[in-house]
Protein backbone atom coordinates (compact mmCIF):
# COMPACT_ATOMS: atom_id res chain seq x y z
CA MET A 1 -4.98 0.22 12.24
CA ASN A 2 -2.88 -1.92 9.98
CA GLN A 3 -4.63 -3.75 7.21
CA PRO A 4 -3.90 -7.33 6.26
CA ALA A 5 -0.57 -7.67 4.48
CA GLN A 6 -0.78 -8.10 0.77
CA THR A 7 0.95 -11.03 -0.85
CA ALA A 8 1.67 -12.10 -4.36
CA SER A 9 1.78 -15.80 -3.49
CA PRO A 10 -0.95 -18.12 -4.79
CA GLN A 11 -4.06 -18.34 -2.60
CA LEU A 12 -5.52 -21.61 -1.33
CA GLN A 13 -8.85 -22.75 -2.82
CA ARG A 14 -12.00 -21.95 -0.77
CA ARG A 15 -13.93 -25.25 -0.76
CA LEU A 16 -14.99 -25.84 2.89
CA GLY A 17 -18.42 -25.05 4.22
CA VAL A 18 -19.69 -24.85 7.82
CA GLY A 19 -20.18 -28.61 8.10
CA ASP A 20 -16.70 -29.38 6.85
CA ALA A 21 -15.15 -26.85 9.24
CA VAL A 22 -17.18 -28.23 12.19
CA LEU A 23 -15.94 -31.75 11.38
CA ILE A 24 -12.33 -30.62 11.22
CA GLY A 25 -12.78 -28.96 14.64
CA LEU A 26 -14.34 -32.04 16.11
CA GLY A 27 -11.59 -34.21 14.75
CA SER A 28 -8.96 -31.96 16.27
CA MET A 29 -10.59 -31.66 19.65
CA ILE A 30 -12.23 -35.02 20.39
CA GLY A 31 -9.30 -36.95 18.96
CA ALA A 32 -6.79 -34.90 20.88
CA GLY A 33 -8.01 -34.69 24.48
CA ILE A 34 -10.64 -36.92 25.96
CA PHE A 35 -8.51 -40.05 26.13
CA ALA A 36 -5.51 -38.20 27.59
CA ALA A 37 -6.52 -35.31 29.77
CA LEU A 38 -9.16 -36.67 32.15
CA ALA A 39 -6.81 -38.68 34.39
CA PRO A 40 -4.18 -35.95 35.05
CA ALA A 41 -7.01 -33.41 35.60
CA ALA A 42 -8.76 -35.73 38.07
CA ARG A 43 -5.52 -36.26 39.97
CA THR A 44 -5.31 -32.48 40.46
CA ALA A 45 -8.96 -31.47 40.88
CA GLY A 46 -10.31 -34.50 42.71
CA SER A 47 -14.09 -34.31 43.00
CA GLY A 48 -13.95 -30.84 41.37
CA LEU A 49 -13.25 -32.35 37.94
CA LEU A 50 -16.59 -31.31 36.40
CA VAL A 51 -16.20 -27.73 37.70
CA ALA A 52 -12.76 -27.62 36.10
CA LEU A 53 -14.28 -28.85 32.81
CA VAL A 54 -16.76 -25.96 32.90
CA VAL A 55 -14.03 -23.41 33.63
CA ALA A 56 -11.94 -24.72 30.74
CA ALA A 57 -14.95 -24.60 28.40
CA ILE A 58 -15.71 -20.94 29.37
CA VAL A 59 -12.12 -19.87 28.66
CA ALA A 60 -12.17 -21.90 25.44
CA TYR A 61 -15.45 -20.21 24.41
CA CYS A 62 -13.93 -16.72 24.87
CA ASN A 63 -10.87 -17.79 22.96
CA ALA A 64 -13.00 -19.28 20.16
CA THR A 65 -15.09 -16.12 19.83
CA SER A 66 -12.07 -13.87 19.75
CA SER A 67 -10.34 -16.16 17.25
CA ALA A 68 -13.46 -16.33 15.03
CA ARG A 69 -13.83 -12.55 14.81
CA LEU A 70 -10.13 -12.16 14.03
CA ALA A 71 -10.18 -15.00 11.50
CA ALA A 72 -13.09 -13.34 9.70
CA ARG A 73 -11.13 -10.10 9.60
CA TYR A 74 -7.85 -11.75 8.50
CA PRO A 75 -8.82 -14.82 6.46
CA ALA A 76 -5.22 -16.02 5.93
CA SER A 77 -3.39 -19.08 7.15
CA GLY A 78 -1.36 -18.54 10.34
CA GLY A 79 -3.96 -17.90 13.06
CA THR A 80 -2.75 -15.79 15.97
CA TYR A 81 0.67 -15.52 14.41
CA VAL A 82 -1.03 -13.26 11.85
CA TYR A 83 -3.50 -11.57 14.26
CA GLY A 84 -0.86 -10.56 16.80
CA ARG A 85 1.42 -9.14 14.13
CA GLU A 86 -1.39 -7.15 12.44
CA ARG A 87 -3.07 -5.85 15.63
CA LEU A 88 -0.32 -5.58 18.21
CA GLY A 89 2.97 -5.57 16.35
CA ASP A 90 5.69 -7.88 15.06
CA PHE A 91 6.89 -9.02 18.45
CA TRP A 92 3.44 -10.18 19.65
CA GLY A 93 2.88 -12.12 16.43
CA TYR A 94 6.27 -13.74 16.92
CA LEU A 95 5.47 -14.54 20.59
CA ALA A 96 2.21 -16.18 19.60
CA GLY A 97 3.93 -18.26 16.90
CA TRP A 98 6.66 -19.30 19.27
CA ALA A 99 4.15 -20.23 22.00
CA PHE A 100 2.15 -22.21 19.44
CA VAL A 101 5.21 -24.15 18.22
CA ILE A 102 6.41 -25.09 21.69
CA GLY A 103 2.90 -25.86 22.91
CA LYS A 104 1.87 -27.97 20.01
CA THR A 105 5.22 -29.80 19.90
CA ALA A 106 4.43 -30.90 23.50
CA SER A 107 0.91 -31.87 22.28
CA CYS A 108 2.55 -34.16 19.76
CA ALA A 109 4.42 -35.89 22.58
CA ALA A 110 1.24 -36.16 24.64
CA MET A 111 -0.66 -37.76 21.71
CA ALA A 112 2.19 -40.17 21.05
CA LEU A 113 2.21 -41.22 24.74
CA THR A 114 -1.57 -41.65 24.58
CA VAL A 115 -1.11 -44.07 21.69
CA GLY A 116 1.40 -46.02 23.75
CA SER A 117 -0.65 -45.97 26.99
CA TYR A 118 -3.69 -47.46 25.29
CA ALA A 119 -2.03 -49.67 22.60
CA TRP A 120 0.69 -51.34 24.77
CA PRO A 121 0.70 -49.92 28.33
CA GLY A 122 3.83 -51.75 29.44
CA HIS A 123 5.88 -50.18 26.64
CA ALA A 124 4.20 -46.82 26.22
CA HIS A 125 7.37 -44.82 25.59
CA ALA A 126 8.67 -47.24 22.93
CA VAL A 127 5.34 -47.23 21.12
CA ALA A 128 5.18 -43.46 21.30
CA VAL A 129 8.60 -43.06 19.72
CA ALA A 130 7.75 -45.57 16.94
CA ALA A 131 4.46 -43.72 16.23
CA VAL A 132 6.25 -40.38 15.88
CA VAL A 133 8.90 -41.81 13.57
CA ALA A 134 6.29 -43.49 11.39
CA LEU A 135 4.04 -40.46 11.07
CA THR A 136 6.96 -38.13 10.48
CA ALA A 137 7.89 -40.37 7.53
CA VAL A 138 4.33 -40.23 6.28
CA ASN A 139 4.22 -36.44 6.40
CA TYR A 140 7.70 -36.26 4.81
CA ALA A 141 6.43 -38.17 1.81
CA GLY A 142 3.65 -35.58 1.37
CA VAL A 143 0.73 -37.85 2.46
CA GLN A 144 -1.89 -35.86 4.36
CA LYS A 145 -5.11 -36.77 6.04
CA SER A 146 -7.97 -36.32 3.60
CA ALA A 147 -11.47 -35.15 4.47
CA TRP A 148 -12.95 -38.63 4.31
CA LEU A 149 -10.32 -39.95 6.78
CA THR A 150 -11.14 -37.17 9.20
CA ARG A 151 -14.80 -38.08 9.02
CA ALA A 152 -13.96 -41.73 9.54
CA VAL A 153 -11.85 -40.99 12.68
CA VAL A 154 -14.52 -38.78 14.10
CA ALA A 155 -17.22 -41.40 13.50
CA VAL A 156 -15.15 -44.15 15.15
CA VAL A 157 -14.24 -42.03 18.16
CA LEU A 158 -17.81 -40.81 18.71
CA ALA A 159 -19.10 -44.44 18.47
CA VAL A 160 -16.51 -45.59 21.05
CA LEU A 161 -17.29 -42.72 23.39
CA ALA A 162 -21.07 -43.34 23.10
CA ALA A 163 -20.43 -46.97 24.04
CA VAL A 164 -18.38 -45.84 27.08
CA VAL A 165 -21.13 -43.51 28.25
CA VAL A 166 -23.89 -46.14 27.88
CA ALA A 167 -21.88 -48.91 29.49
CA GLY A 168 -20.70 -46.75 32.30
CA LEU A 169 -24.00 -45.14 33.29
CA THR A 170 -25.95 -48.42 33.06
CA SER A 171 -23.46 -50.57 34.97
CA SER A 172 -24.13 -51.91 38.45
CA THR A 173 -20.96 -50.28 39.72
CA ALA A 174 -22.03 -46.76 38.72
CA ASP A 175 -22.56 -44.57 41.76
CA ALA A 176 -23.89 -41.03 41.33
CA SER A 177 -22.60 -40.06 44.79
CA ARG A 178 -19.06 -40.09 43.22
CA LEU A 179 -20.01 -36.87 41.43
CA THR A 180 -20.41 -35.05 44.71
CA ILE A 181 -17.90 -32.24 45.34
CA ASP A 182 -16.20 -32.68 48.65
CA SER A 183 -13.29 -31.14 50.63
CA ASP A 184 -10.59 -32.54 48.33
CA ALA A 185 -11.56 -29.95 45.69
CA THR A 186 -9.59 -26.74 46.14
CA VAL A 187 -9.67 -23.57 44.05
CA THR A 188 -6.02 -24.09 43.07
CA GLY A 189 -6.64 -27.72 42.17
CA VAL A 190 -9.67 -26.87 40.02
CA LEU A 191 -7.75 -24.15 38.21
CA GLN A 192 -4.81 -26.47 37.53
CA ALA A 193 -7.19 -29.09 36.24
CA ALA A 194 -8.92 -26.52 34.06
CA GLY A 195 -5.57 -25.63 32.51
CA LEU A 196 -4.85 -29.34 31.87
CA LEU A 197 -8.34 -29.91 30.40
CA PHE A 198 -7.91 -26.86 28.15
CA PHE A 199 -5.49 -29.11 26.25
CA ALA A 200 -8.54 -31.06 25.11
CA PHE A 201 -10.40 -28.03 23.68
CA ALA A 202 -7.48 -26.45 21.82
CA GLY A 203 -8.37 -28.02 18.46
CA TYR A 204 -10.85 -25.34 17.46
CA ALA A 205 -7.81 -23.25 16.48
CA ARG A 206 -7.54 -25.56 13.43
CA ILE A 207 -10.71 -23.97 12.10
CA ALA A 208 -9.38 -20.45 12.50
CA THR A 209 -6.25 -21.38 10.53
CA LEU A 210 -8.42 -22.45 7.56
CA GLY A 211 -9.12 -18.77 6.74
CA GLU A 212 -7.90 -19.21 3.12
CA GLU A 213 -9.78 -22.47 2.59
CA VAL A 214 -13.41 -21.84 3.70
CA ARG A 215 -16.18 -20.31 1.69
CA ASP A 216 -17.39 -16.96 3.02
CA PRO A 217 -15.02 -16.91 6.04
CA ALA A 218 -16.78 -13.92 7.72
CA ARG A 219 -19.86 -16.12 8.07
CA THR A 220 -18.44 -19.69 8.14
CA ILE A 221 -15.72 -19.38 10.75
CA PRO A 222 -17.78 -17.56 13.46
CA ARG A 223 -20.50 -20.24 13.08
CA ALA A 224 -18.23 -23.30 12.93
CA ILE A 225 -16.06 -22.61 15.95
CA PRO A 226 -18.84 -22.30 18.60
CA LEU A 227 -20.76 -25.28 17.07
CA ALA A 228 -17.69 -27.48 17.17
CA LEU A 229 -16.84 -26.35 20.73
CA GLY A 230 -20.34 -26.82 21.98
CA LEU A 231 -20.62 -30.36 20.56
CA THR A 232 -17.26 -31.26 22.06
CA LEU A 233 -18.26 -29.98 25.49
CA VAL A 234 -21.39 -32.12 25.46
CA VAL A 235 -19.33 -35.18 24.55
CA TYR A 236 -16.69 -34.45 27.16
CA ALA A 237 -19.19 -33.86 29.93
CA ALA A 238 -21.07 -37.09 29.19
CA VAL A 239 -17.83 -39.17 29.16
CA ALA A 240 -16.46 -37.47 32.35
CA ILE A 241 -19.73 -38.18 34.21
CA ALA A 242 -19.82 -41.80 33.07
CA VAL A 243 -16.20 -42.48 34.03
CA LEU A 244 -16.47 -40.65 37.34
CA THR A 245 -19.54 -42.64 38.40
CA VAL A 246 -17.62 -45.87 37.78
CA LEU A 247 -14.13 -45.06 38.94
CA GLY A 248 -14.53 -42.12 41.20
CA PRO A 249 -12.07 -39.14 41.21
CA ARG A 250 -9.27 -41.08 42.89
CA GLY A 251 -9.54 -44.17 40.62
CA LEU A 252 -9.73 -41.94 37.58
CA GLY A 253 -6.70 -39.92 38.64
CA GLU A 254 -4.56 -43.04 39.17
CA SER A 255 -5.40 -44.61 35.79
CA ALA A 256 -3.06 -44.62 32.83
CA ALA A 257 -5.86 -45.58 30.43
CA PRO A 258 -8.98 -44.38 32.17
CA LEU A 259 -11.66 -45.12 29.65
CA SER A 260 -10.67 -48.75 29.16
CA ASP A 261 -10.16 -49.17 32.94
CA ALA A 262 -13.64 -47.78 33.48
CA MET A 263 -15.10 -50.38 31.14
CA ARG A 264 -13.41 -53.22 33.03
CA ALA A 265 -14.64 -51.79 36.34
CA ALA A 266 -18.11 -51.57 34.85
CA GLY A 267 -18.07 -55.28 33.95
CA ALA A 268 -17.85 -54.53 30.18
CA ASP A 269 -14.48 -56.27 29.68
CA TRP A 270 -15.35 -56.98 26.06
CA LEU A 271 -15.47 -53.20 25.41
CA ALA A 272 -12.00 -52.45 26.92
CA PRO A 273 -10.02 -53.54 23.81
CA VAL A 274 -12.44 -51.63 21.56
CA VAL A 275 -11.81 -48.51 23.66
CA ARG A 276 -8.07 -49.08 23.52
CA ALA A 277 -8.20 -49.38 19.70
CA GLY A 278 -10.48 -46.28 19.44
CA ALA A 279 -8.08 -44.26 21.59
CA ALA A 280 -5.06 -45.32 19.51
CA VAL A 281 -6.80 -44.39 16.24
CA ALA A 282 -7.92 -41.00 17.62
CA ALA A 283 -4.50 -40.22 19.00
CA LEU A 284 -2.74 -41.28 15.81
CA GLY A 285 -5.01 -39.08 13.78
CA SER A 286 -4.38 -36.11 16.06
CA LEU A 287 -0.65 -36.77 16.09
CA LEU A 288 -0.52 -36.86 12.28
CA ALA A 289 -2.34 -33.50 12.04
CA LEU A 290 -0.28 -31.96 14.88
CA ILE A 291 3.09 -32.81 13.31
CA LEU A 292 1.88 -31.44 9.97
CA GLY A 293 0.55 -28.25 11.64
CA VAL A 294 3.65 -27.53 13.76
CA SER A 295 6.01 -28.03 10.82
CA ARG A 296 3.95 -25.61 8.69
CA THR A 297 4.01 -22.95 11.40
CA THR A 298 7.79 -23.49 11.71
CA LEU A 299 8.05 -23.05 7.96
CA ALA A 300 6.13 -19.75 8.11
CA MET A 301 8.28 -18.40 10.92
CA ALA A 302 11.43 -19.52 9.12
CA ARG A 303 10.34 -17.67 6.00
CA ASP A 304 9.96 -14.53 8.11
CA ARG A 305 13.36 -15.30 9.64
CA HIS A 306 11.95 -15.62 13.16
CA LEU A 307 13.46 -19.11 13.08
CA PRO A 308 16.60 -20.22 11.20
CA HIS A 309 15.95 -19.61 7.52
CA ALA A 310 17.27 -23.09 6.60
CA LEU A 311 14.03 -24.51 8.03
CA ALA A 312 12.08 -22.79 5.22
CA ALA A 313 13.39 -25.28 2.65
CA VAL A 314 10.78 -27.22 0.64
CA HIS A 315 11.63 -30.66 -0.66
CA PRO A 316 11.95 -30.48 -4.51
CA ARG A 317 10.15 -33.81 -5.01
CA PHE A 318 7.67 -34.16 -2.14
CA LYS A 319 6.88 -30.41 -1.87
CA VAL A 320 6.90 -30.46 1.94
CA PRO A 321 8.97 -28.47 4.47
CA HIS A 322 11.23 -31.45 5.02
CA ARG A 323 13.75 -29.83 7.31
CA ALA A 324 11.11 -28.41 9.54
CA GLU A 325 9.34 -31.80 9.65
CA LEU A 326 12.50 -33.62 10.55
CA LEU A 327 13.37 -31.13 13.30
CA VAL A 328 9.88 -31.29 14.78
CA GLY A 329 9.91 -35.07 14.59
CA ALA A 330 13.27 -35.28 16.37
CA VAL A 331 12.18 -32.94 19.20
CA VAL A 332 8.89 -34.92 19.67
CA VAL A 333 10.82 -38.27 19.74
CA MET A 334 13.01 -36.82 22.55
CA LEU A 335 9.95 -35.66 24.51
CA ALA A 336 8.05 -38.88 23.99
CA ALA A 337 10.99 -40.90 25.22
CA THR A 338 11.60 -38.84 28.42
CA THR A 339 8.34 -37.32 29.62
CA ASP A 340 4.97 -38.54 30.96
CA VAL A 341 1.50 -37.66 29.70
CA ARG A 342 0.79 -35.25 32.53
CA GLY A 343 4.05 -33.30 32.00
CA ALA A 344 3.51 -33.13 28.22
CA ILE A 345 -0.07 -31.90 28.65
CA GLY A 346 0.91 -29.29 31.21
CA PHE A 347 3.71 -27.94 29.02
CA SER A 348 1.42 -27.90 25.99
CA SER A 349 -1.34 -26.12 27.84
CA PHE A 350 1.11 -23.40 29.00
CA GLY A 351 2.21 -22.58 25.49
CA VAL A 352 -1.27 -22.77 23.97
CA LEU A 353 -2.88 -20.63 26.72
CA LEU A 354 -0.29 -17.92 26.08
CA TYR A 355 -0.99 -18.20 22.36
CA TYR A 356 -4.68 -17.50 23.06
CA ALA A 357 -3.81 -14.68 25.49
CA VAL A 358 -2.30 -12.89 22.44
CA ALA A 359 -5.43 -13.74 20.41
CA ASN A 360 -7.72 -12.18 23.08
CA ALA A 361 -5.49 -9.08 23.35
CA SER A 362 -5.64 -8.75 19.55
CA ALA A 363 -9.48 -9.06 19.56
CA TRP A 364 -9.69 -6.29 22.21
CA THR A 365 -8.26 -3.86 19.58
CA LEU A 366 -11.03 -4.55 17.03
CA THR A 367 -13.47 -1.72 16.43
CA PRO A 368 -17.27 -2.03 16.19
CA ASP A 369 -16.94 -1.65 12.42
CA GLU A 370 -14.64 -4.69 12.47
CA ASN A 371 -17.25 -6.87 14.17
CA ARG A 372 -15.63 -6.64 17.60
CA PRO A 373 -16.98 -9.11 20.11
CA PRO A 374 -18.48 -7.75 23.40
CA ARG A 375 -15.55 -6.43 25.43
CA ILE A 376 -16.16 -8.89 28.23
CA VAL A 377 -15.28 -11.77 25.92
CA PRO A 378 -11.61 -10.90 25.11
CA ALA A 379 -11.15 -9.49 28.62
CA LEU A 380 -12.34 -12.67 30.33
CA GLY A 381 -10.45 -14.77 27.76
CA LEU A 382 -7.20 -12.95 28.37
CA ALA A 383 -7.51 -13.06 32.12
CA GLY A 384 -8.56 -16.71 32.02
CA CYS A 385 -5.66 -17.73 29.83
CA LEU A 386 -3.07 -16.03 32.07
CA VAL A 387 -4.65 -17.40 35.29
CA LEU A 388 -4.83 -20.98 33.97
CA ALA A 389 -1.36 -20.83 32.46
CA PHE A 390 0.34 -19.71 35.68
CA THR A 391 -1.66 -22.07 37.99
CA LEU A 392 -0.60 -25.15 36.05
CA PRO A 393 1.74 -27.60 37.89
CA ALA A 394 4.96 -25.84 38.86
CA ALA A 395 7.14 -27.92 36.54
CA SER A 396 5.00 -26.99 33.55
CA VAL A 397 5.20 -23.24 34.42
CA ILE A 398 8.93 -23.35 35.05
CA TRP A 399 9.86 -25.24 31.86
CA GLY A 400 7.30 -23.35 29.79
CA SER A 401 8.61 -19.98 31.01
CA THR A 402 12.19 -21.03 30.38
CA VAL A 403 11.55 -22.09 26.76
CA LEU A 404 9.45 -18.95 26.22
CA ALA A 405 12.32 -16.79 27.52
CA VAL A 406 14.74 -18.52 25.17
CA GLY A 407 12.44 -17.58 22.28
CA ILE A 408 12.16 -13.96 23.41
CA ALA A 409 15.93 -13.72 23.77
CA ALA A 410 16.39 -15.10 20.28
CA TYR A 411 14.00 -12.49 18.96
CA GLY A 412 15.87 -9.69 20.69
CA ILE A 413 19.22 -10.91 19.38
CA ARG A 414 17.92 -11.15 15.84
CA ARG A 415 16.48 -7.62 16.03
CA ALA A 416 19.74 -6.28 17.39
CA ILE A 417 21.78 -7.91 14.60
CA THR A 418 19.34 -6.65 11.96
CA ALA A 419 19.49 -3.10 13.35
CA ARG A 420 23.31 -3.14 13.46
CA ARG A 421 23.51 -4.31 9.81
CA ALA A 422 21.05 -1.60 8.81
CA SER A 423 23.11 1.10 10.46
């Protein structure tokens, strides 16, 4: 089996411990999903929302375990882009990278629209576009989120969510019978909702991509990913139960800003603006990190000539991949201006689920000497990713498959041109 590729480039400094990695994972997951994914998932699953949450968590756990074992084996930046290339071949690494770029670009649009939906509901698209432009400019200037800012965002979001749970469960309008699963919950609906809710768990990949920056990655990454995922699941379940008992599945599914709407329905009107502010802060933090992450993956793929090599340019003053950042920002602006949150989340989930399908297939090839997880884990993860991806709403599957096919065609054309030049 291929060994990790050697490189002469400078290595990143290993400074992060388990606690730091868990906080980064929490910041990526909790800030990314809970304010955005509940409503579209409830619209699809109905009273089966909590079942869908469990299904999404199981698939996420398998993906997390596979990613952790691979990250320990290949402690380099790039995530499944690296794992697929090393374990399955160049094409599969490319496919994972392409799926990541398209999926996370849609995630950027979903986060921008979440900012708009909570900050100024009547002008959500305009606010979303403004947020993308502003944060692209911040990233272009080389300003990145620091560790203290990540901790601050996580603390604010957790405080807001705790207030939502307490206010919801203790209100006079809370009704536990709204948690009952009835005939409106179908298997297809639950699976679609699980695919949409998977969007909210996908942040743990950020831990795996820190392979060059954590101390003792073989120990730190496998511990940090399940811890962050488990804590996030507990938070999500508590919030989902609180909001469901107040709004019910139908009310939740029809809401554009479900957590603030739940507070108004619970009689805690004073808390609604606090929730809106917390949601906007969380989504802005996630959007900043997402734009940065997508542009860096674009840079890596451009360096390998899987994307136009011009995108590999680094600004001489700001030392950032400025062309990649501008391209990503432009695409996200277009999506934020023309799509809705549900469509952006569905498209994102399609790409990210395929990304993790490659991760699970890569983990299957690990040997016992390479700390392979139990075979059931990558097998269940691979099957779960494919099932959830292709049971997403039809528009997400069609558009996702089309963009994926464009990427595959570009790969084939590039390989054919390279082979012709070599001959």
